[in-house]
Amino acid sequence: MNKEFKSVAVLKSKPEKREELKNALLQLIDPTRNEAGCIYYILFEDKKSPGTFYMWEAFKDDKAFEFHTQTEHFKNFAGQMHEWMSEPIQLIELERISGG
């Protein structure tokens, strides 16, 4: 059985590009949630560090996540993200340990 793919993507904006990055991330949400393999895709911003965003995401398996990275909406974002971000995306893969 395939395990769900769960991660948090950390995205840090250039100081002057916070709104542009935020808007670009918001534009990813609906099309990503409509992907067959998406379980959840939720955007957060660090209250103490404006411009630091966290995308909490889960897909039914690794293949569904890989499919996501090949979609037109994600590729469009990835092709422009260097304009908005102060450093590369940090992708932290998660494994659930406790029940809930």
Protein backbone atom coordinates (compact mmCIF):
# COMPACT_ATOMS: atom_id res chain seq x y z
CA MET A 1 0.00 0.00 0.00
CA ASN A 2 1.30 3.44 -0.90
CA LYS A 3 1.79 5.92 1.90
CA GLU A 4 0.36 9.41 1.73
CA PHE A 5 2.86 12.11 0.82
CA LYS A 6 2.76 14.84 3.48
CA SER A 7 4.98 17.87 3.63
CA VAL A 8 5.40 21.48 4.58
CA ALA A 9 6.93 23.73 1.96
CA VAL A 10 8.68 26.80 3.38
CA LEU A 11 8.73 29.79 1.03
CA LYS A 12 10.45 33.04 1.98
CA SER A 13 9.76 36.19 0.01
CA LYS A 14 12.10 39.00 -0.81
CA PRO A 15 11.02 41.87 1.48
CA GLU A 16 9.58 43.93 -1.38
CA LYS A 17 7.87 40.90 -3.00
CA ARG A 18 5.72 39.62 -0.09
CA GLU A 19 2.38 40.44 -1.73
CA GLU A 20 3.40 39.04 -5.11
CA LEU A 21 4.51 35.73 -3.57
CA LYS A 22 1.39 35.55 -1.41
CA ASN A 23 -0.87 36.15 -4.42
CA ALA A 24 0.99 33.59 -6.53
CA LEU A 25 0.63 30.99 -3.77
CA LEU A 26 -3.06 31.76 -3.38
CA GLN A 27 -3.51 31.15 -7.11
CA LEU A 28 -2.10 27.63 -6.69
CA ILE A 29 -4.67 26.56 -4.11
CA ASP A 30 -7.85 25.92 -6.12
CA PRO A 31 -6.25 24.12 -9.08
CA THR A 32 -4.14 22.00 -6.72
CA ARG A 33 -7.12 21.08 -4.56
CA ASN A 34 -8.88 19.97 -7.75
CA GLU A 35 -6.14 17.46 -8.56
CA ALA A 36 -7.41 13.90 -8.04
CA GLY A 37 -4.54 13.02 -5.67
CA CYS A 38 -4.68 16.10 -3.45
CA ILE A 39 -5.90 15.52 0.11
CA TYR A 40 -5.24 19.03 1.42
CA TYR A 41 -3.27 22.11 0.41
CA ILE A 42 -3.33 24.89 3.01
CA LEU A 43 -1.35 28.15 3.06
CA PHE A 44 -0.07 29.79 6.25
CA GLU A 45 2.06 32.86 6.93
CA ASP A 46 4.39 33.18 9.92
CA LYS A 47 2.87 35.83 12.21
CA LYS A 48 6.30 36.79 13.55
CA SER A 49 8.05 36.75 10.19
CA PRO A 50 5.84 38.31 7.49
CA GLY A 51 6.78 37.03 4.07
CA THR A 52 7.56 33.53 5.32
CA PHE A 53 4.87 31.20 4.03
CA TYR A 54 4.17 27.55 4.78
CA MET A 55 2.21 25.34 2.42
CA TRP A 56 0.90 22.36 4.39
CA GLU A 57 0.12 19.70 1.83
CA ALA A 58 -0.87 16.09 1.52
CA PHE A 59 -1.31 13.91 -1.54
CA LYS A 60 -2.55 10.32 -1.73
CA ASP A 61 0.99 9.09 -2.54
CA ASP A 62 4.36 10.09 -4.01
CA LYS A 63 3.03 9.72 -7.54
CA ALA A 64 0.23 12.21 -6.85
CA PHE A 65 2.78 14.69 -5.52
CA GLU A 66 4.98 14.14 -8.58
CA PHE A 67 1.92 14.72 -10.79
CA HIS A 68 1.34 18.02 -8.92
CA THR A 69 4.88 19.20 -9.70
CA GLN A 70 4.23 18.60 -13.41
CA THR A 71 0.95 20.53 -13.66
CA GLU A 72 0.75 23.71 -15.68
CA HIS A 73 -0.20 25.81 -12.64
CA PHE A 74 2.76 24.56 -10.61
CA LYS A 75 5.21 24.90 -13.51
CA ASN A 76 4.03 28.48 -14.08
CA PHE A 77 4.66 29.26 -10.41
CA ALA A 78 8.05 27.52 -10.40
CA GLY A 79 9.13 29.44 -13.49
CA GLN A 80 8.62 32.76 -11.72
CA MET A 81 9.29 31.99 -8.07
CA HIS A 82 12.92 33.19 -8.22
CA GLU A 83 11.54 36.71 -8.80
CA TRP A 84 9.65 36.65 -5.50
CA MET A 85 11.71 34.42 -3.21
CA SER A 86 14.81 35.24 -1.20
CA GLU A 87 15.93 31.58 -1.10
CA PRO A 88 14.93 28.23 -2.63
CA ILE A 89 11.86 26.35 -1.40
CA GLN A 90 12.56 24.16 1.59
CA LEU A 91 10.41 21.02 1.36
CA ILE A 92 10.07 19.17 4.66
CA GLU A 93 8.55 15.71 4.22
CA LEU A 94 6.52 14.58 7.20
CA GLU A 95 5.67 11.18 8.62
CA ARG A 96 2.82 10.94 11.07
CA ILE A 97 3.88 9.32 14.34
CA SER A 98 0.90 9.77 16.67
CA GLY A 99 -2.81 9.15 16.29
CA GLY A 100 -5.09 11.99 16.28
